[in-house]
């Protein structure tokens, strides 16, 4: 019998599923982008953020050797999802929003299935 998957494992699976789908569509533009999951955001929000962010995009800094990075905040996202299907959809939407920011395109263009609820 396989070991039970933790909530964090299931969240990571949802992130990988969403990233895989986007990377197939935007392969060349997303090459080298790093994705990460943190439990909660830092306590110092950016000036343009209202409320607690679900995720963030950090632009690359070639001088410092840093790639583009997209971070999702697991506990914040989980707190807004009632069931596993809603969680997967929300994870995908958060990643799409961050990728859209990176690409300078509307989320609906990045992923035509974007819900934006």
N, C-alpha and C. Protein backbone atom coordinates (compact mmCIF):
# COMPACT_ATOMS: atom_id res chain seq x y z
N UNK A 1 0.85 -1.18 0.00
CA UNK A 1 0.00 0.00 0.00
C UNK A 1 0.89 1.24 0.00
N UNK A 2 0.65 2.18 -0.93
CA UNK A 2 1.49 3.38 -0.98
C UNK A 2 1.28 4.25 0.26
N UNK A 3 2.31 4.96 0.62
CA UNK A 3 2.22 5.86 1.77
C UNK A 3 1.25 6.99 1.45
N UNK A 4 0.58 7.48 2.46
CA UNK A 4 -0.36 8.59 2.28
C UNK A 4 0.40 9.85 1.89
N UNK A 5 -0.17 10.62 0.98
CA UNK A 5 0.45 11.87 0.54
C UNK A 5 0.01 12.98 1.48
N UNK A 6 0.94 13.81 1.87
CA UNK A 6 0.61 14.92 2.75
C UNK A 6 -0.05 16.04 1.96
N UNK A 7 -0.63 17.00 2.66
CA UNK A 7 -1.23 18.16 1.99
C UNK A 7 -0.17 18.91 1.21
N UNK A 8 1.01 19.04 1.76
CA UNK A 8 2.10 19.73 1.07
C UNK A 8 2.48 18.99 -0.21
N UNK A 9 2.51 17.66 -0.16
CA UNK A 9 2.82 16.87 -1.35
C UNK A 9 1.76 17.07 -2.43
N UNK A 10 0.49 17.06 -2.03
CA UNK A 10 -0.59 17.25 -2.99
C UNK A 10 -0.53 18.66 -3.59
N UNK A 11 -0.16 19.65 -2.78
CA UNK A 11 -0.02 21.01 -3.28
C UNK A 11 1.11 21.07 -4.30
N UNK A 12 2.24 20.48 -3.97
CA UNK A 12 3.37 20.45 -4.90
C UNK A 12 2.98 19.78 -6.21
N UNK A 13 2.19 18.70 -6.14
CA UNK A 13 1.73 18.02 -7.34
C UNK A 13 0.88 18.96 -8.20
N UNK A 14 0.02 19.76 -7.57
CA UNK A 14 -0.82 20.71 -8.30
C UNK A 14 0.04 21.77 -8.98
N UNK A 15 1.09 22.21 -8.29
CA UNK A 15 2.01 23.20 -8.88
C UNK A 15 2.71 22.60 -10.09
N UNK A 16 3.24 21.40 -9.94
CA UNK A 16 3.94 20.76 -11.05
C UNK A 16 3.03 20.54 -12.25
N UNK A 17 1.79 20.16 -12.00
CA UNK A 17 0.82 19.95 -13.07
C UNK A 17 0.57 21.26 -13.83
N UNK A 18 0.37 22.35 -13.10
CA UNK A 18 0.11 23.64 -13.73
C UNK A 18 1.33 24.15 -14.49
N UNK A 19 2.49 24.02 -13.90
CA UNK A 19 3.72 24.48 -14.55
C UNK A 19 3.97 23.68 -15.82
N UNK A 20 3.78 22.39 -15.76
CA UNK A 20 3.99 21.53 -16.93
C UNK A 20 3.10 21.97 -18.09
N UNK A 21 1.84 22.24 -17.80
CA UNK A 21 0.91 22.66 -18.85
C UNK A 21 1.34 23.98 -19.47
N UNK A 22 1.76 24.92 -18.65
CA UNK A 22 2.18 26.22 -19.18
C UNK A 22 3.51 26.12 -19.93
N UNK A 23 4.43 25.32 -19.42
CA UNK A 23 5.73 25.20 -20.09
C UNK A 23 5.60 24.53 -21.46
N UNK A 24 4.61 23.68 -21.63
CA UNK A 24 4.40 23.09 -22.97
C UNK A 24 3.95 24.16 -23.95
N UNK A 25 3.14 25.09 -23.48
CA UNK A 25 2.62 26.14 -24.36
C UNK A 25 3.62 27.28 -24.58
N UNK A 26 4.39 27.62 -23.55
CA UNK A 26 5.30 28.78 -23.58
C UNK A 26 6.74 28.33 -23.36
N UNK A 27 7.11 27.22 -23.95
CA UNK A 27 8.41 26.59 -23.69
C UNK A 27 9.59 27.55 -23.78
N UNK A 28 9.73 28.25 -24.87
CA UNK A 28 10.92 29.09 -25.04
C UNK A 28 10.90 30.29 -24.09
N UNK A 29 9.74 30.87 -23.84
CA UNK A 29 9.65 32.03 -22.97
C UNK A 29 9.85 31.69 -21.49
N UNK A 30 9.55 30.46 -21.11
CA UNK A 30 9.64 30.08 -19.69
C UNK A 30 10.89 29.26 -19.37
N UNK A 31 11.74 29.09 -20.35
CA UNK A 31 12.97 28.33 -20.12
C UNK A 31 13.80 29.03 -19.03
N UNK A 32 14.18 28.30 -18.03
CA UNK A 32 15.02 28.83 -16.96
C UNK A 32 14.27 29.48 -15.81
N UNK A 33 12.94 29.61 -15.92
CA UNK A 33 12.16 30.18 -14.82
C UNK A 33 12.15 29.19 -13.66
N UNK A 34 12.33 29.69 -12.47
CA UNK A 34 12.30 28.84 -11.27
C UNK A 34 10.95 29.00 -10.59
N UNK A 35 10.45 27.90 -10.05
CA UNK A 35 9.18 27.89 -9.33
C UNK A 35 9.45 27.38 -7.92
N UNK A 36 8.78 27.99 -6.96
CA UNK A 36 8.99 27.60 -5.56
C UNK A 36 7.67 27.67 -4.81
N UNK A 37 7.62 26.93 -3.73
CA UNK A 37 6.47 26.96 -2.82
C UNK A 37 7.02 27.30 -1.44
N UNK A 38 6.42 28.29 -0.82
CA UNK A 38 6.72 28.64 0.57
C UNK A 38 5.42 28.55 1.34
N UNK A 39 5.52 28.29 2.63
CA UNK A 39 4.30 28.15 3.43
C UNK A 39 3.50 29.45 3.48
N UNK A 40 4.17 30.55 3.80
CA UNK A 40 3.49 31.85 3.92
C UNK A 40 4.40 32.94 3.35
N UNK A 41 3.79 34.07 2.95
CA UNK A 41 4.62 35.16 2.45
C UNK A 41 5.36 35.85 3.59
N UNK A 42 6.43 36.55 3.28
CA UNK A 42 7.11 37.33 4.31
C UNK A 42 6.14 38.37 4.89
N UNK A 43 6.44 38.86 6.05
CA UNK A 43 5.53 39.80 6.72
C UNK A 43 5.60 41.22 6.16
N UNK A 44 6.48 41.46 5.22
CA UNK A 44 6.59 42.81 4.64
C UNK A 44 6.05 42.81 3.21
N UNK A 45 4.75 43.11 3.03
CA UNK A 45 4.18 43.08 1.69
C UNK A 45 4.75 44.21 0.82
N UNK A 46 4.71 43.99 -0.45
CA UNK A 46 5.12 45.03 -1.39
C UNK A 46 4.10 46.16 -1.34
N UNK A 47 4.52 47.39 -1.64
CA UNK A 47 3.61 48.53 -1.54
C UNK A 47 2.35 48.40 -2.41
N UNK A 48 2.44 47.68 -3.52
CA UNK A 48 1.29 47.56 -4.41
C UNK A 48 0.37 46.41 -4.05
N UNK A 49 0.74 45.61 -3.06
CA UNK A 49 -0.09 44.47 -2.68
C UNK A 49 -1.12 44.89 -1.64
N UNK A 50 -2.33 44.42 -1.87
CA UNK A 50 -3.42 44.67 -0.93
C UNK A 50 -3.86 43.32 -0.39
N UNK A 51 -3.79 43.15 0.90
CA UNK A 51 -4.11 41.85 1.47
C UNK A 51 -2.92 40.92 1.40
N UNK A 52 -3.17 39.67 1.65
CA UNK A 52 -2.12 38.66 1.66
C UNK A 52 -1.98 38.07 0.26
N UNK A 53 -0.79 38.11 -0.33
CA UNK A 53 -0.63 37.58 -1.69
C UNK A 53 -0.69 36.06 -1.71
N UNK A 54 -1.20 35.52 -2.82
CA UNK A 54 -1.23 34.08 -3.03
C UNK A 54 0.06 33.61 -3.68
N UNK A 55 0.72 34.52 -4.38
CA UNK A 55 1.97 34.21 -5.06
C UNK A 55 2.66 35.49 -5.46
N UNK A 56 3.91 35.35 -5.89
CA UNK A 56 4.69 36.51 -6.33
C UNK A 56 5.60 36.12 -7.47
N UNK A 57 5.85 37.10 -8.32
CA UNK A 57 6.84 36.96 -9.39
C UNK A 57 8.02 37.86 -9.05
N UNK A 58 9.21 37.28 -9.09
CA UNK A 58 10.44 38.03 -8.87
C UNK A 58 11.21 38.05 -10.18
N UNK A 59 11.47 39.25 -10.69
CA UNK A 59 12.18 39.38 -11.96
C UNK A 59 13.62 38.90 -11.82
N UNK A 60 14.15 38.45 -12.93
CA UNK A 60 15.55 37.99 -12.97
C UNK A 60 16.48 39.16 -12.67
N UNK A 61 17.62 38.82 -12.12
CA UNK A 61 18.69 39.79 -11.89
C UNK A 61 19.97 39.15 -12.41
N UNK A 62 20.24 39.30 -13.71
CA UNK A 62 21.41 38.64 -14.31
C UNK A 62 22.72 39.01 -13.62
N UNK A 63 22.85 40.24 -13.16
CA UNK A 63 24.09 40.67 -12.49
C UNK A 63 24.34 39.86 -11.22
N UNK A 64 23.26 39.45 -10.56
CA UNK A 64 23.39 38.65 -9.34
C UNK A 64 23.28 37.16 -9.62
N UNK A 65 23.07 36.81 -10.90
CA UNK A 65 22.95 35.40 -11.25
C UNK A 65 21.62 34.80 -10.87
N UNK A 66 20.57 35.63 -10.76
CA UNK A 66 19.26 35.15 -10.35
C UNK A 66 18.31 35.06 -11.54
N UNK A 67 17.66 33.93 -11.68
CA UNK A 67 16.68 33.71 -12.75
C UNK A 67 15.32 34.29 -12.33
N UNK A 68 14.41 34.40 -13.30
CA UNK A 68 13.03 34.74 -12.96
C UNK A 68 12.54 33.68 -11.98
N UNK A 69 11.72 34.10 -11.02
CA UNK A 69 11.23 33.16 -10.01
C UNK A 69 9.78 33.45 -9.68
N UNK A 70 9.00 32.39 -9.62
CA UNK A 70 7.60 32.48 -9.24
C UNK A 70 7.42 31.66 -7.97
N UNK A 71 6.84 32.30 -6.95
CA UNK A 71 6.65 31.65 -5.65
C UNK A 71 5.16 31.61 -5.33
N UNK A 72 4.68 30.46 -4.91
CA UNK A 72 3.31 30.31 -4.42
C UNK A 72 3.36 30.12 -2.91
N UNK A 73 2.36 30.69 -2.23
CA UNK A 73 2.29 30.59 -0.77
C UNK A 73 1.20 29.57 -0.40
N UNK A 74 1.67 28.39 -0.06
CA UNK A 74 0.81 27.22 0.11
C UNK A 74 -0.33 27.43 1.09
N UNK A 75 -0.04 27.86 2.29
CA UNK A 75 -1.10 27.96 3.31
C UNK A 75 -2.15 29.01 2.94
N UNK A 76 -1.73 30.07 2.30
CA UNK A 76 -2.68 31.11 1.89
C UNK A 76 -3.59 30.57 0.79
N UNK A 77 -3.01 29.89 -0.19
CA UNK A 77 -3.81 29.31 -1.28
C UNK A 77 -4.74 28.23 -0.72
N UNK A 78 -4.22 27.35 0.11
CA UNK A 78 -5.05 26.28 0.68
C UNK A 78 -6.23 26.86 1.47
N UNK A 79 -6.01 27.99 2.13
CA UNK A 79 -7.07 28.61 2.92
C UNK A 79 -8.23 29.12 2.08
N UNK A 80 -8.02 29.24 0.78
CA UNK A 80 -9.07 29.74 -0.11
C UNK A 80 -9.72 28.64 -0.94
N UNK A 81 -9.30 27.40 -0.73
CA UNK A 81 -9.83 26.28 -1.52
C UNK A 81 -10.60 25.33 -0.62
N UNK A 82 -11.81 24.98 -1.05
CA UNK A 82 -12.68 24.11 -0.25
C UNK A 82 -12.45 22.63 -0.50
N UNK A 83 -11.91 22.30 -1.67
CA UNK A 83 -11.76 20.89 -2.03
C UNK A 83 -10.57 20.75 -2.98
N UNK A 84 -10.14 19.52 -3.23
CA UNK A 84 -8.96 19.32 -4.08
C UNK A 84 -9.08 19.90 -5.49
N UNK A 85 -10.25 19.83 -6.08
CA UNK A 85 -10.43 20.37 -7.44
C UNK A 85 -10.30 21.89 -7.44
N UNK A 86 -10.90 22.53 -6.46
CA UNK A 86 -10.80 23.99 -6.35
C UNK A 86 -9.35 24.39 -6.09
N UNK A 87 -8.65 23.61 -5.29
CA UNK A 87 -7.24 23.89 -5.01
C UNK A 87 -6.42 23.83 -6.30
N UNK A 88 -6.58 22.79 -7.09
CA UNK A 88 -5.83 22.67 -8.35
C UNK A 88 -6.13 23.85 -9.28
N UNK A 89 -7.40 24.23 -9.37
CA UNK A 89 -7.78 25.35 -10.24
C UNK A 89 -7.18 26.67 -9.72
N UNK A 90 -7.20 26.87 -8.42
CA UNK A 90 -6.64 28.10 -7.85
C UNK A 90 -5.12 28.15 -8.02
N UNK A 91 -4.46 27.03 -7.80
CA UNK A 91 -3.01 26.98 -8.01
C UNK A 91 -2.69 27.35 -9.46
N UNK A 92 -3.43 26.79 -10.38
CA UNK A 92 -3.19 27.09 -11.80
C UNK A 92 -3.41 28.57 -12.08
N UNK A 93 -4.49 29.14 -11.56
CA UNK A 93 -4.77 30.56 -11.80
C UNK A 93 -3.68 31.46 -11.21
N UNK A 94 -3.20 31.14 -10.03
CA UNK A 94 -2.15 31.95 -9.41
C UNK A 94 -0.88 31.88 -10.26
N UNK A 95 -0.53 30.70 -10.71
CA UNK A 95 0.67 30.56 -11.55
C UNK A 95 0.47 31.30 -12.87
N UNK A 96 -0.71 31.18 -13.46
CA UNK A 96 -0.99 31.88 -14.72
C UNK A 96 -0.85 33.39 -14.52
N UNK A 97 -1.38 33.93 -13.42
CA UNK A 97 -1.26 35.37 -13.16
C UNK A 97 0.20 35.80 -13.07
N UNK A 98 1.02 35.01 -12.41
CA UNK A 98 2.43 35.36 -12.24
C UNK A 98 3.19 35.22 -13.57
N UNK A 99 2.89 34.17 -14.33
CA UNK A 99 3.52 34.00 -15.65
C UNK A 99 3.09 35.14 -16.57
N UNK A 100 1.83 35.55 -16.50
CA UNK A 100 1.36 36.66 -17.32
C UNK A 100 2.14 37.93 -17.00
N UNK A 101 2.41 38.15 -15.74
CA UNK A 101 3.21 39.32 -15.34
C UNK A 101 4.61 39.20 -15.94
N UNK A 102 5.21 38.04 -15.84
CA UNK A 102 6.54 37.81 -16.39
C UNK A 102 6.56 38.07 -17.90
N UNK A 103 5.55 37.57 -18.62
CA UNK A 103 5.52 37.67 -20.07
C UNK A 103 4.96 39.01 -20.57
N UNK A 104 4.35 39.79 -19.67
CA UNK A 104 3.74 41.04 -20.08
C UNK A 104 2.52 40.83 -20.97
N UNK A 105 1.75 39.79 -20.65
CA UNK A 105 0.55 39.44 -21.43
C UNK A 105 -0.62 39.27 -20.48
N UNK A 106 -1.84 39.38 -20.98
CA UNK A 106 -3.00 39.13 -20.12
C UNK A 106 -3.09 37.65 -19.74
N UNK A 107 -3.57 37.36 -18.55
CA UNK A 107 -3.68 35.96 -18.12
C UNK A 107 -4.49 35.10 -19.08
N UNK A 108 -5.53 35.67 -19.69
CA UNK A 108 -6.38 34.92 -20.62
C UNK A 108 -5.61 34.50 -21.87
N UNK A 109 -4.57 35.25 -22.21
CA UNK A 109 -3.74 34.88 -23.35
C UNK A 109 -2.73 33.79 -22.96
N UNK A 110 -2.24 33.88 -21.74
CA UNK A 110 -1.29 32.89 -21.24
C UNK A 110 -1.97 31.53 -21.14
N UNK A 111 -3.21 31.52 -20.64
CA UNK A 111 -3.98 30.29 -20.51
C UNK A 111 -5.44 30.60 -20.78
N UNK A 112 -5.96 30.18 -21.94
CA UNK A 112 -7.37 30.47 -22.26
C UNK A 112 -8.35 29.93 -21.22
N UNK A 113 -7.94 28.98 -20.39
CA UNK A 113 -8.80 28.44 -19.34
C UNK A 113 -8.74 29.22 -18.05
N UNK A 114 -8.04 30.36 -18.04
CA UNK A 114 -7.91 31.16 -16.83
C UNK A 114 -9.28 31.61 -16.34
N UNK A 115 -9.54 31.39 -15.04
CA UNK A 115 -10.85 31.73 -14.45
C UNK A 115 -10.84 33.13 -13.85
N UNK A 116 -9.76 33.45 -13.12
CA UNK A 116 -9.65 34.77 -12.50
C UNK A 116 -10.72 35.12 -11.49
N UNK A 117 -11.23 34.13 -10.80
CA UNK A 117 -12.29 34.37 -9.81
C UNK A 117 -11.79 35.18 -8.65
